[in-house]
Amino acid sequence: MDQEDYGVGYIEEDHPLRPQAAAQSLALLQVPDKSGRRSRNTSISSSVTDLDAPIYTREDVRSTQHHGFNGRLVFAIAAAALGSAFQHGYNTGVVNAPQKLIEEWITETEQNRTGQVVDQSKVTIIWSIAVAIFCVGGMIGGAITGIVAERFGRKGGLLLNNVLVALAAIFEGASKAAGSFEMIIIGRFFIGINSGLNAGLAPMYLAEISPVHLRGAVGTVYQLVITISILVSQILGLESILGTEDSWPILLAITVVPGIFQLATLPICPESPKYLLLSKGQEMEAQRALTWLRGSIEVHDEMDDMRNEYEAMKLVPKVTLKEMFVNATLRIPLIIAMMVMVAQQLSGINAVMFFSTKIFRMAQLDDKSAQYATLGMGAVNVFMTLVSMVIVEKAGRKTLLLIGFAGMCCTTILLTICLAYVQNAALWVSYISILLVILFVVMFAIGPGSIPWFLVSELFNQSARGAATSLAVAINWTANFIVGIGFLPLQEALGGNVFIIFTILLALFVLFVYKKVPETKNKTIEEISSMFRQISYQ
């Protein structure tokens, strides 16, 4: 028996079956070779789990194993991404529209409690805590991703995470009825932890269930759903829909809907085949999961790749947090993963989003038109993330990151110049500012917005992926928190010149990506790992 096949579903010529019986079987099956004639020395592939399935020659299996999208894979991607990335995006954007209404309610609630006039600065502090606590929760969620991913699995962790969604929806939805703004803070904290966990678990699951040649496109789905959910939160927050005095608690509680969707759909999907084989050692279960995801029994090559990774893993000890920083083979990809996460948040995207409404008003748009223009910008973000999803496998990760960061760098230089002259200049300068804001969003969406989320899963093998994801996601949320806290004071001090800081940072990020970030397109985890081993020996 052929040893490299591990005896799973293959009959070789030296198999202990009687030669006559084997020859008769082959004649009856009439398996053609490539030229259309019957092949003699043919090995037969059959599924371990589905014995009624058709039988293929191994040559055919090898040549046709370039699986694309199928109904089951798309269903698994939707179940994992819609229920997780939606929480991340929706709760990032949902507080913007009803801010004034909630601040008025906080003032009224505090006055009823104390019987005294409430200082506006106190209300601002309460509101700032409610907004910022989401990022604090995200940092905690990101930090425990590795533990949850290994203990409960990728799918199991995502499902369990919906307990936090239910708690958040209850606290936020009932806050007004209970007359407690503290409930909003608690709810935002819970949904923050949920989003932090989702930011690690979902891209990990998506990377592990997708074929190598589709890993980038599938990984981009997470950011795509974030952009869609931010847009949905902006639309639902309009005054004509749920952005009213009575309806804002419903707006906050709607976060439970994607959680219900995930609880209804994800249990139908299998656990990550890589987790089942590499972390649990369940080969039969892994092959069954992979067969389900590919909609085909032709999974021999992928199983072989996973087995090779599994055998390589046995030779190295379990990766600890200390090992991540001490071992050069792990430290180099960890620094890359953490830097692209930092680059994503410190690129200035939040600053541009903040300035957008102000820039639209400078262009003499009224408040309502400015709001709709902001929605249009959100739609552009969704569209360009879709474009990124289509081209990421052709252009490559490094190319799109370089184009994105370099484009953003040039745009911020021009935007700084425009903002310096916009108030006293002609109206066309304002229109150029609007175009530059849209161009900035386009450049962000084409690469820096989506690639960091799945790049971390591509840079590490199974034994290190959990710990690396924890660190990278926690760093992303920390950078998000720093930008959220530090941007307003900087903007008040520097005005439009605040973009000079982002221009310098973006130039440094372009240099880092050019020098240090490798191209991972169409490479297996083993190829990427060996590449870092070579670098560490130099």
Protein backbone atom coordinates (compact mmCIF):
# COMPACT_ATOMS: atom_id res chain seq x y z
CA MET A 1 0.00 0.00 0.00
CA ASP A 2 1.23 3.47 -0.82
CA GLN A 3 2.41 4.92 2.50
CA GLU A 4 1.98 8.57 1.58
CA ASP A 5 -1.74 7.94 1.10
CA TYR A 6 -2.08 6.73 4.69
CA GLY A 7 -4.30 3.94 3.38
CA VAL A 8 -7.34 6.20 3.06
CA GLY A 9 -9.57 5.16 0.15
CA TYR A 10 -6.87 3.96 -2.29
CA ILE A 11 -6.26 0.49 -3.78
CA GLU A 12 -2.71 0.01 -5.10
CA GLU A 13 -1.37 -2.92 -7.14
CA ASP A 14 0.37 -4.46 -4.11
CA HIS A 15 -2.83 -4.43 -2.05
CA PRO A 16 -3.55 -7.88 -0.50
CA LEU A 17 -6.69 -8.31 -2.66
CA ARG A 18 -6.42 -11.19 -5.12
CA PRO A 19 -4.96 -9.84 -8.40
CA GLN A 20 -7.70 -11.50 -10.46
CA ALA A 21 -10.46 -9.88 -8.39
CA ALA A 22 -8.75 -6.49 -8.56
CA ALA A 23 -8.34 -6.79 -12.35
CA GLN A 24 -12.01 -7.74 -12.75
CA SER A 25 -13.06 -4.79 -10.60
CA LEU A 26 -11.02 -2.38 -12.69
CA ALA A 27 -12.44 -3.79 -15.91
CA LEU A 28 -15.99 -3.44 -14.63
CA LEU A 29 -15.43 0.11 -13.41
CA GLN A 30 -14.00 1.11 -16.84
CA VAL A 31 -12.08 4.11 -15.56
CA PRO A 32 -10.70 5.96 -18.60
CA ASP A 33 -7.28 7.54 -18.72
CA LYS A 34 -6.61 11.03 -20.09
CA SER A 35 -6.67 9.81 -23.72
CA GLY A 36 -10.03 8.10 -23.30
CA ARG A 37 -8.63 4.53 -23.12
CA ARG A 38 -8.86 2.34 -20.06
CA SER A 39 -5.88 2.79 -17.78
CA ARG A 40 -4.18 -0.27 -16.30
CA ASN A 41 -2.04 0.93 -13.41
CA THR A 42 -4.72 3.04 -11.87
CA SER A 43 -5.27 3.78 -8.19
CA ILE A 44 -8.84 4.32 -7.16
CA SER A 45 -10.04 7.13 -4.88
CA SER A 46 -13.21 6.78 -2.87
CA SER A 47 -14.60 8.85 -0.02
CA VAL A 48 -14.16 7.70 3.57
CA THR A 49 -17.54 9.05 4.50
CA ASP A 50 -19.66 8.59 1.42
CA LEU A 51 -19.16 5.13 -0.05
CA ASP A 52 -21.94 5.56 -2.59
CA ALA A 53 -20.08 8.43 -4.28
CA PRO A 54 -18.47 8.06 -7.74
CA ILE A 55 -14.95 6.62 -8.03
CA TYR A 56 -12.11 8.68 -9.52
CA THR A 57 -8.61 7.87 -10.73
CA ARG A 58 -5.97 9.56 -8.68
CA GLU A 59 -4.69 11.38 -11.78
CA ASP A 60 -8.15 12.94 -12.19
CA VAL A 61 -8.27 13.83 -8.49
CA ARG A 62 -4.91 15.61 -8.70
CA SER A 63 -5.87 17.55 -11.83
CA THR A 64 -9.32 18.69 -10.75
CA GLN A 65 -8.64 19.70 -7.14
CA HIS A 66 -8.72 23.45 -7.80
CA HIS A 67 -12.02 24.00 -6.01
CA GLY A 68 -13.93 27.25 -6.44
CA PHE A 69 -16.95 28.66 -4.68
CA ASN A 70 -19.89 26.33 -4.15
CA GLY A 71 -23.22 26.70 -2.34
CA ARG A 72 -22.03 25.13 0.91
CA LEU A 73 -18.84 27.19 1.13
CA VAL A 74 -20.78 30.41 0.44
CA PHE A 75 -23.33 29.40 3.12
CA ALA A 76 -20.53 28.80 5.68
CA ILE A 77 -18.87 32.14 4.81
CA ALA A 78 -22.20 33.99 5.20
CA ALA A 79 -23.02 32.23 8.49
CA ALA A 80 -19.61 33.07 9.97
CA ALA A 81 -19.13 36.60 8.60
CA LEU A 82 -22.64 38.10 8.73
CA GLY A 83 -23.15 37.13 12.37
CA SER A 84 -19.74 38.37 13.51
CA ALA A 85 -18.42 41.22 11.33
CA PHE A 86 -21.88 42.80 11.41
CA GLN A 87 -21.56 43.31 15.21
CA HIS A 88 -18.14 44.90 14.73
CA GLY A 89 -19.26 47.38 12.06
CA TYR A 90 -22.80 48.09 13.28
CA ASN A 91 -21.72 48.96 16.83
CA THR A 92 -18.88 51.15 15.52
CA GLY A 93 -21.28 53.34 13.54
CA VAL A 94 -24.61 53.09 15.40
CA VAL A 95 -23.83 55.71 18.09
CA ASN A 96 -23.06 58.54 15.65
CA ALA A 97 -26.58 59.42 14.45
CA PRO A 98 -28.48 59.41 17.79
CA GLN A 99 -25.67 61.12 19.77
CA LYS A 100 -27.62 64.36 20.36
CA LEU A 101 -30.79 62.50 21.39
CA ILE A 102 -28.96 60.23 23.85
CA GLU A 103 -27.00 63.15 25.35
CA GLU A 104 -30.29 65.02 25.95
CA TRP A 105 -31.73 61.89 27.62
CA ILE A 106 -28.60 61.53 29.83
CA THR A 107 -29.00 65.20 30.91
CA GLU A 108 -32.67 64.65 31.72
CA THR A 109 -31.99 61.38 33.60
CA GLU A 110 -29.21 62.92 35.69
CA GLN A 111 -31.38 65.96 36.51
CA ASN A 112 -34.20 63.70 37.70
CA ARG A 113 -31.75 61.85 39.96
CA THR A 114 -29.99 64.83 41.53
CA GLY A 115 -32.60 67.58 41.14
CA GLN A 116 -29.80 69.90 39.98
CA VAL A 117 -28.81 71.42 36.65
CA VAL A 118 -26.32 69.11 34.95
CA ASP A 119 -23.11 70.53 33.54
CA GLN A 120 -22.64 69.76 29.82
CA SER A 121 -19.04 68.63 30.44
CA LYS A 122 -20.34 65.85 32.72
CA VAL A 123 -22.72 64.64 29.98
CA THR A 124 -19.85 64.70 27.45
CA ILE A 125 -17.70 62.58 29.79
CA ILE A 126 -20.53 60.00 30.24
CA TRP A 127 -21.05 59.87 26.48
CA SER A 128 -17.30 59.55 25.79
CA ILE A 129 -17.09 56.61 28.23
CA ALA A 130 -20.08 54.93 26.52
CA VAL A 131 -18.37 55.28 23.11
CA ALA A 132 -14.80 54.42 24.23
CA ILE A 133 -15.78 51.39 26.38
CA PHE A 134 -16.58 49.55 23.12
CA CYS A 135 -12.85 49.65 22.21
CA VAL A 136 -11.83 48.59 25.74
CA GLY A 137 -14.11 45.56 25.38
CA GLY A 138 -12.60 44.94 21.94
CA MET A 139 -9.08 44.91 23.42
CA ILE A 140 -10.14 42.32 26.03
CA GLY A 141 -11.98 40.21 23.42
CA GLY A 142 -9.00 40.34 21.08
CA ALA A 143 -6.60 39.33 23.85
CA ILE A 144 -8.57 36.16 24.74
CA THR A 145 -9.14 35.08 21.10
CA GLY A 146 -6.36 32.48 21.19
CA ILE A 147 -7.68 30.81 24.37
CA VAL A 148 -11.28 30.69 23.07
CA ALA A 149 -10.19 29.48 19.60
CA GLU A 150 -8.21 26.56 21.04
CA ARG A 151 -10.63 25.64 23.84
CA PHE A 152 -13.96 25.82 21.99
CA GLY A 153 -12.84 25.81 18.34
CA ARG A 154 -13.43 28.53 15.75
CA LYS A 155 -17.07 27.66 15.11
CA GLY A 156 -17.74 26.85 18.77
CA GLY A 157 -16.20 30.14 19.89
CA LEU A 158 -18.30 32.15 17.42
CA LEU A 159 -21.50 30.47 18.60
CA LEU A 160 -20.71 30.89 22.29
CA ASN A 161 -19.84 34.55 21.68
CA ASN A 162 -23.53 35.29 20.95
CA VAL A 163 -24.27 35.09 24.70
CA LEU A 164 -22.58 38.51 24.94
CA VAL A 165 -24.77 39.81 22.06
CA ALA A 166 -27.94 38.83 23.96
CA LEU A 167 -26.70 40.53 27.15
CA ALA A 168 -25.70 43.69 25.24
CA ALA A 169 -29.08 43.92 23.45
CA ILE A 170 -30.96 43.53 26.75
CA PHE A 171 -28.91 46.18 28.57
CA GLU A 172 -28.93 48.73 25.73
CA GLY A 173 -32.54 48.14 24.67
CA ALA A 174 -33.91 48.45 28.21
CA SER A 175 -31.72 51.41 29.27
CA LYS A 176 -34.30 54.13 28.56
CA ALA A 177 -37.19 52.24 30.18
CA ALA A 178 -35.02 51.63 33.26
CA GLY A 179 -33.81 55.25 33.31
CA SER A 180 -30.17 54.10 33.49
CA PHE A 181 -27.44 55.38 31.18
CA GLU A 182 -25.05 52.98 32.99
CA MET A 183 -26.87 50.15 31.20
CA ILE A 184 -25.73 51.59 27.84
CA ILE A 185 -22.12 51.58 29.08
CA ILE A 186 -22.41 47.96 30.31
CA GLY A 187 -24.09 46.90 27.04
CA ARG A 188 -21.39 48.62 24.94
CA PHE A 189 -18.71 46.87 27.01
CA PHE A 190 -20.29 43.43 26.38
CA ILE A 191 -20.69 44.03 22.65
CA GLY A 192 -17.08 45.32 22.58
CA ILE A 193 -15.78 42.01 24.00
CA ASN A 194 -17.99 40.21 21.46
CA SER A 195 -16.58 42.29 18.56
CA GLY A 196 -12.99 41.78 19.74
CA LEU A 197 -13.49 38.00 19.77
CA ASN A 198 -15.26 38.12 16.39
CA ALA A 199 -12.36 40.10 14.87
CA GLY A 200 -10.04 37.19 15.68
CA LEU A 201 -12.28 34.12 15.37
CA ALA A 202 -14.16 34.95 12.15
CA PRO A 203 -11.13 35.74 9.91
CA MET A 204 -9.40 32.66 11.35
CA TYR A 205 -12.39 30.42 10.51
CA LEU A 206 -12.75 31.98 7.03
CA ALA A 207 -9.04 31.49 6.26
CA GLU A 208 -9.13 27.86 7.40
CA ILE A 209 -12.25 26.80 5.45
CA SER A 210 -11.27 28.45 2.15
CA PRO A 211 -9.14 26.89 -0.62
CA VAL A 212 -5.61 28.36 -0.93
CA HIS A 213 -6.38 30.20 -4.20
CA LEU A 214 -9.51 31.85 -2.67
CA ARG A 215 -8.10 32.65 0.79
CA GLY A 216 -7.69 36.39 0.07
CA ALA A 217 -11.14 36.82 -1.49
CA VAL A 218 -12.83 34.94 1.38
CA GLY A 219 -10.76 36.84 3.97
CA THR A 220 -11.94 40.16 2.49
CA VAL A 221 -15.57 39.19 3.27
CA TYR A 222 -15.03 40.15 6.94
CA GLN A 223 -14.17 43.78 6.06
CA LEU A 224 -16.91 43.83 3.41
CA VAL A 225 -19.55 42.98 6.04
CA ILE A 226 -18.07 45.63 8.39
CA THR A 227 -18.50 48.32 5.70
CA ILE A 228 -22.04 47.12 4.90
CA SER A 229 -23.04 47.12 8.58
CA ILE A 230 -21.64 50.64 9.16
CA LEU A 231 -23.74 51.79 6.20
CA VAL A 232 -26.82 49.97 7.61
CA SER A 233 -26.32 51.64 11.00
CA GLN A 234 -26.13 55.06 9.30
CA ILE A 235 -29.31 54.40 7.29
CA LEU A 236 -31.27 53.08 10.29
CA GLY A 237 -30.05 56.07 12.32
CA LEU A 238 -31.74 58.55 9.97
CA GLU A 239 -34.45 60.67 11.58
CA SER A 240 -37.03 59.24 9.20
CA ILE A 241 -36.32 55.65 10.40
CA LEU A 242 -35.04 54.94 13.98
CA GLY A 243 -33.08 58.10 14.80
CA THR A 244 -35.92 59.50 16.94
CA GLU A 245 -36.41 60.23 20.63
CA ASP A 246 -38.54 57.11 21.17
CA SER A 247 -36.82 54.68 18.80
CA TRP A 248 -33.09 54.97 19.60
CA PRO A 249 -33.16 52.08 22.16
CA ILE A 250 -34.49 49.83 19.34
CA LEU A 251 -31.64 51.09 17.12
CA LEU A 252 -29.12 49.92 19.74
CA ALA A 253 -30.91 46.61 20.44
CA ILE A 254 -31.07 45.61 16.73
CA THR A 255 -27.57 44.21 17.26
CA VAL A 256 -29.30 40.98 18.40
CA VAL A 257 -30.60 40.25 14.85
CA PRO A 258 -27.26 39.11 13.30
CA GLY A 259 -26.68 37.04 16.46
CA ILE A 260 -29.97 35.18 15.90
CA PHE A 261 -29.03 34.69 12.23
CA GLN A 262 -25.69 33.14 13.20
CA LEU A 263 -27.26 30.84 15.82
CA ALA A 264 -29.70 29.62 13.15
CA THR A 265 -27.13 29.03 10.37
CA LEU A 266 -23.64 28.32 11.77
CA PRO A 267 -24.59 25.04 13.57
CA ILE A 268 -25.35 23.56 10.10
CA CYS A 269 -21.75 24.24 9.00
CA PRO A 270 -18.77 22.09 10.05
CA GLU A 271 -15.95 23.12 12.36
CA SER A 272 -12.72 24.26 10.66
CA PRO A 273 -11.08 21.12 9.13
CA LYS A 274 -7.65 22.45 10.12
CA TYR A 275 -8.73 22.83 13.74
CA LEU A 276 -10.18 19.30 13.77
CA LEU A 277 -7.02 17.69 12.39
CA LEU A 278 -4.20 19.90 13.65
CA SER A 279 -5.56 20.83 17.09
CA LYS A 280 -7.77 17.82 17.87
CA GLY A 281 -6.13 15.08 15.78
CA GLN A 282 -9.54 14.01 14.38
CA GLU A 283 -8.60 12.99 10.83
CA MET A 284 -11.93 11.39 9.86
CA GLU A 285 -13.90 14.40 11.13
CA ALA A 286 -11.55 16.78 9.32
CA GLN A 287 -12.01 14.93 6.01
CA ARG A 288 -15.78 14.86 6.52
CA ALA A 289 -15.80 18.64 7.17
CA LEU A 290 -13.59 19.32 4.14
CA THR A 291 -15.78 17.12 1.89
CA TRP A 292 -18.86 19.09 3.06
CA LEU A 293 -17.20 22.47 2.42
CA ARG A 294 -15.88 21.56 -1.03
CA GLY A 295 -19.12 19.85 -2.08
CA SER A 296 -16.90 17.08 -3.44
CA ILE A 297 -14.99 13.99 -2.33
CA GLU A 298 -11.89 15.21 -4.20
CA VAL A 299 -10.05 16.50 -1.13
CA HIS A 300 -7.01 14.21 -1.15
CA ASP A 301 -4.46 16.98 -1.93
CA GLU A 302 -5.79 19.32 0.76
CA MET A 303 -5.82 16.48 3.31
CA ASP A 304 -2.21 15.68 2.36
CA ASP A 305 -1.18 19.32 2.90
CA MET A 306 -2.89 19.35 6.30
CA ARG A 307 -1.27 16.04 7.27
CA ASN A 308 2.14 17.42 6.33
CA GLU A 309 1.50 20.47 8.53
CA TYR A 310 0.29 18.15 11.31
CA GLU A 311 3.47 16.03 11.12
CA ALA A 312 5.63 19.19 11.11
CA MET A 313 3.73 20.49 14.16
CA LYS A 314 4.54 17.35 16.14
CA LEU A 315 8.24 18.15 15.84
CA VAL A 316 7.95 21.56 17.53
CA PRO A 317 6.74 22.27 21.09
CA LYS A 318 3.46 24.12 21.77
CA VAL A 319 3.90 27.82 21.04
CA THR A 320 3.74 30.06 24.12
CA LEU A 321 3.42 33.84 24.26
CA LYS A 322 7.11 34.10 25.26
CA GLU A 323 8.08 31.90 22.29
CA MET A 324 6.30 34.34 19.93
CA PHE A 325 8.80 37.06 20.85
CA VAL A 326 11.92 34.93 21.45
CA ASN A 327 11.81 32.68 18.36
CA ALA A 328 12.88 34.70 15.27
CA THR A 329 10.83 32.44 12.95
CA LEU A 330 7.69 33.57 14.83
CA ARG A 331 8.79 37.06 15.86
CA ILE A 332 9.27 38.31 12.27
CA PRO A 333 5.71 37.44 11.07
CA LEU A 334 4.30 38.65 14.43
CA ILE A 335 5.87 42.10 13.97
CA ILE A 336 4.50 42.21 10.40
CA ALA A 337 0.98 41.19 11.57
CA MET A 338 0.98 43.75 14.39
CA MET A 339 2.34 46.55 12.19
CA VAL A 340 -0.30 46.12 9.46
CA MET A 341 -2.99 46.18 12.19
CA VAL A 342 -1.53 49.41 13.62
CA ALA A 343 -1.20 50.84 10.11
CA GLN A 344 -4.88 50.14 9.40
CA GLN A 345 -6.02 52.14 12.46
CA LEU A 346 -3.41 54.94 12.35
CA SER A 347 -3.90 55.52 8.62
CA GLY A 348 -6.32 58.35 9.38
CA ILE A 349 -9.51 56.68 8.13
CA ASN A 350 -11.38 57.60 11.35
CA ALA A 351 -10.15 61.18 11.05
CA VAL A 352 -11.33 61.46 7.45
CA MET A 353 -14.72 59.98 8.37
CA PHE A 354 -14.98 62.55 11.18
CA PHE A 355 -14.00 65.45 8.90
CA SER A 356 -16.25 64.33 6.05
CA THR A 357 -19.47 65.92 7.37
CA LYS A 358 -17.59 69.16 8.12
CA ILE A 359 -16.05 69.18 4.63
CA PHE A 360 -19.48 68.56 3.06
CA ARG A 361 -20.87 71.54 5.01
CA MET A 362 -17.98 73.71 3.84
CA ALA A 363 -19.07 72.85 0.31
CA GLN A 364 -22.34 74.63 1.22
CA LEU A 365 -24.40 71.45 1.58
CA ASP A 366 -27.14 71.72 4.20
CA ASP A 367 -27.22 69.30 7.16
CA LYS A 368 -29.54 66.82 5.47
CA SER A 369 -27.53 66.81 2.22
CA ALA A 370 -24.29 66.41 4.20
CA GLN A 371 -25.81 63.38 5.96
CA TYR A 372 -26.77 61.79 2.63
CA ALA A 373 -23.30 62.58 1.23
CA THR A 374 -21.82 60.70 4.22
CA LEU A 375 -24.08 57.75 3.35
CA GLY A 376 -22.79 57.96 -0.24
CA MET A 377 -19.24 57.74 1.10
CA GLY A 378 -20.22 54.63 3.07
CA ALA A 379 -21.63 53.11 -0.13
CA VAL A 380 -18.33 53.86 -1.95
CA ASN A 381 -16.50 52.05 0.89
CA VAL A 382 -18.73 48.96 0.39
CA PHE A 383 -18.29 49.02 -3.40
CA MET A 384 -14.48 49.35 -3.28
CA THR A 385 -14.21 46.55 -0.69
CA LEU A 386 -16.13 44.39 -3.19
CA VAL A 387 -13.61 45.39 -5.88
CA SER A 388 -10.77 44.47 -3.48
CA MET A 389 -12.40 41.07 -2.94
CA VAL A 390 -12.36 40.42 -6.68
CA ILE A 391 -8.77 41.59 -7.39
CA VAL A 392 -6.91 40.48 -4.23
CA GLU A 393 -6.12 37.04 -5.67
CA LYS A 394 -4.86 38.54 -8.94
CA ALA A 395 -2.97 41.59 -7.69
CA GLY A 396 -1.73 40.10 -4.42
CA ARG A 397 -1.79 41.34 -0.82
CA LYS A 398 1.46 43.32 -0.83
CA THR A 399 0.61 45.17 -4.07
CA LEU A 400 -2.82 46.26 -2.79
CA LEU A 401 -1.38 47.36 0.58
CA LEU A 402 1.27 49.46 -1.20
CA ILE A 403 -1.26 51.03 -3.61
CA GLY A 404 -3.65 51.72 -0.72
CA PHE A 405 -1.19 53.28 1.74
CA ALA A 406 0.69 55.24 -0.98
CA GLY A 407 -2.60 56.57 -2.39
CA MET A 408 -3.78 57.59 1.08
CA CYS A 409 -0.44 59.32 1.73
CA CYS A 410 -0.73 61.43 -1.45
CA THR A 411 -4.40 62.19 -0.72
CA THR A 412 -3.69 63.46 2.83
CA ILE A 413 -1.02 65.85 1.48
CA LEU A 414 -3.53 67.36 -0.98
CA LEU A 415 -6.30 67.37 1.66
CA THR A 416 -4.08 69.31 4.11
CA ILE A 417 -3.46 71.96 1.41
CA CYS A 418 -7.18 72.18 0.54
CA LEU A 419 -8.29 72.45 4.19
CA ALA A 420 -5.79 75.28 4.76
CA TYR A 421 -7.41 77.39 2.02
CA VAL A 422 -10.98 76.08 1.85
CA GLN A 423 -12.66 78.75 4.03
CA ASN A 424 -11.50 81.76 2.05
CA ALA A 425 -11.18 80.10 -1.35
CA ALA A 426 -13.64 79.57 -4.17
CA LEU A 427 -16.32 76.89 -3.96
CA TRP A 428 -14.43 74.56 -6.33
CA VAL A 429 -11.78 74.02 -3.61
CA SER A 430 -14.53 72.58 -1.40
CA TYR A 431 -15.60 70.24 -4.18
CA ILE A 432 -11.97 69.08 -4.61
CA SER A 433 -11.91 68.42 -0.84
CA ILE A 434 -15.02 66.21 -1.21
CA LEU A 435 -13.38 64.30 -4.09
CA LEU A 436 -10.21 63.82 -2.00
CA VAL A 437 -12.23 62.44 0.93
CA ILE A 438 -13.92 59.93 -1.41
CA LEU A 439 -10.53 59.05 -3.01
CA PHE A 440 -9.07 58.46 0.47
CA VAL A 441 -11.90 56.02 1.29
CA VAL A 442 -11.35 54.27 -2.08
CA MET A 443 -7.64 53.81 -1.33
CA PHE A 444 -8.37 52.52 2.19
CA ALA A 445 -10.98 50.02 0.97
CA ILE A 446 -8.82 48.61 -1.83
CA GLY A 447 -6.30 47.01 0.55
CA PRO A 448 -5.54 48.44 4.01
CA GLY A 449 -9.17 48.04 5.11
CA SER A 450 -9.52 44.30 4.50
CA ILE A 451 -6.10 42.64 4.16
CA PRO A 452 -4.81 43.02 7.77
CA TRP A 453 -7.74 40.96 9.11
CA PHE A 454 -6.83 37.78 7.20
CA LEU A 455 -3.08 38.34 6.70
CA VAL A 456 -2.38 37.31 10.30
CA SER A 457 -4.01 33.89 9.65
CA GLU A 458 -1.89 33.45 6.52
CA LEU A 459 1.44 34.21 8.21
CA PHE A 460 1.26 31.52 10.91
CA ASN A 461 0.82 27.77 11.09
CA GLN A 462 -1.85 26.17 13.26
CA SER A 463 0.21 25.96 16.47
CA ALA A 464 0.98 29.70 16.53
CA ARG A 465 -2.15 31.10 14.84
CA GLY A 466 -4.27 31.49 18.00
CA ALA A 467 -1.61 33.35 20.02
CA ALA A 468 -0.63 35.53 17.03
CA THR A 469 -4.27 36.46 16.30
CA SER A 470 -4.81 37.39 19.97
CA LEU A 471 -1.86 39.78 19.95
CA ALA A 472 -2.61 41.30 16.52
CA VAL A 473 -6.33 41.88 17.19
CA ALA A 474 -5.65 43.31 20.68
CA ILE A 475 -3.12 45.72 19.10
CA ASN A 476 -5.69 46.74 16.45
CA TRP A 477 -8.31 47.59 19.10
CA THR A 478 -5.70 49.40 21.24
CA ALA A 479 -4.72 51.55 18.24
CA ASN A 480 -8.43 52.17 17.56
CA PHE A 481 -8.86 53.28 21.20
CA ILE A 482 -5.80 55.61 21.02
CA VAL A 483 -7.12 57.24 17.82
CA GLY A 484 -10.60 57.63 19.39
CA ILE A 485 -9.23 59.27 22.55
CA GLY A 486 -6.42 61.32 20.99
CA PHE A 487 -7.90 62.56 17.73
CA LEU A 488 -10.33 65.21 19.07
CA PRO A 489 -7.72 67.08 21.23
CA LEU A 490 -5.26 66.97 18.29
CA GLN A 491 -7.91 68.22 15.88
CA GLU A 492 -8.82 71.11 18.19
CA ALA A 493 -5.14 72.06 18.52
CA LEU A 494 -4.09 71.64 14.87
CA GLY A 495 -7.32 71.95 12.84
CA GLY A 496 -6.88 70.71 9.26
CA ASN A 497 -3.11 70.34 9.85
CA VAL A 498 -3.88 67.17 11.84
CA PHE A 499 -3.54 65.32 8.53
CA ILE A 500 0.21 66.11 8.45
CA ILE A 501 0.63 63.54 11.26
CA PHE A 502 -1.22 60.92 9.20
CA THR A 503 0.83 61.78 6.08
CA ILE A 504 4.10 61.06 7.96
CA LEU A 505 2.70 57.83 9.44
CA LEU A 506 1.41 56.65 6.04
CA ALA A 507 4.82 57.30 4.42
CA LEU A 508 6.42 55.11 7.13
CA PHE A 509 3.80 52.38 6.59
CA VAL A 510 4.49 52.36 2.81
CA LEU A 511 8.20 51.91 3.54
CA PHE A 512 7.52 49.08 6.03
CA VAL A 513 5.19 47.19 3.66
CA TYR A 514 7.68 47.54 0.78
CA LYS A 515 10.64 46.30 2.84
CA LYS A 516 9.13 43.71 5.19
CA VAL A 517 5.72 42.36 4.14
CA PRO A 518 5.98 39.20 2.00
CA GLU A 519 3.54 38.22 -0.76
CA THR A 520 1.35 35.34 0.49
CA LYS A 521 -0.87 34.97 -2.59
CA ASN A 522 -1.39 31.29 -3.58
CA LYS A 523 1.20 30.09 -1.02
CA THR A 524 0.47 27.27 1.43
CA ILE A 525 1.11 27.80 5.16
CA GLU A 526 4.13 25.47 4.93
CA GLU A 527 5.66 27.56 2.11
CA ILE A 528 5.11 30.79 4.07
CA SER A 529 6.60 29.25 7.27
CA SER A 530 9.70 28.01 5.42
CA MET A 531 10.13 31.51 3.94
CA PHE A 532 10.30 33.01 7.45
CA ARG A 533 12.68 30.24 8.56
CA GLN A 534 15.06 31.24 5.75
CA ILE A 535 14.82 34.95 6.71
CA SER A 536 15.51 34.16 10.39
CA TYR A 537 18.70 32.26 9.48
CA GLN A 538 20.11 35.16 7.45
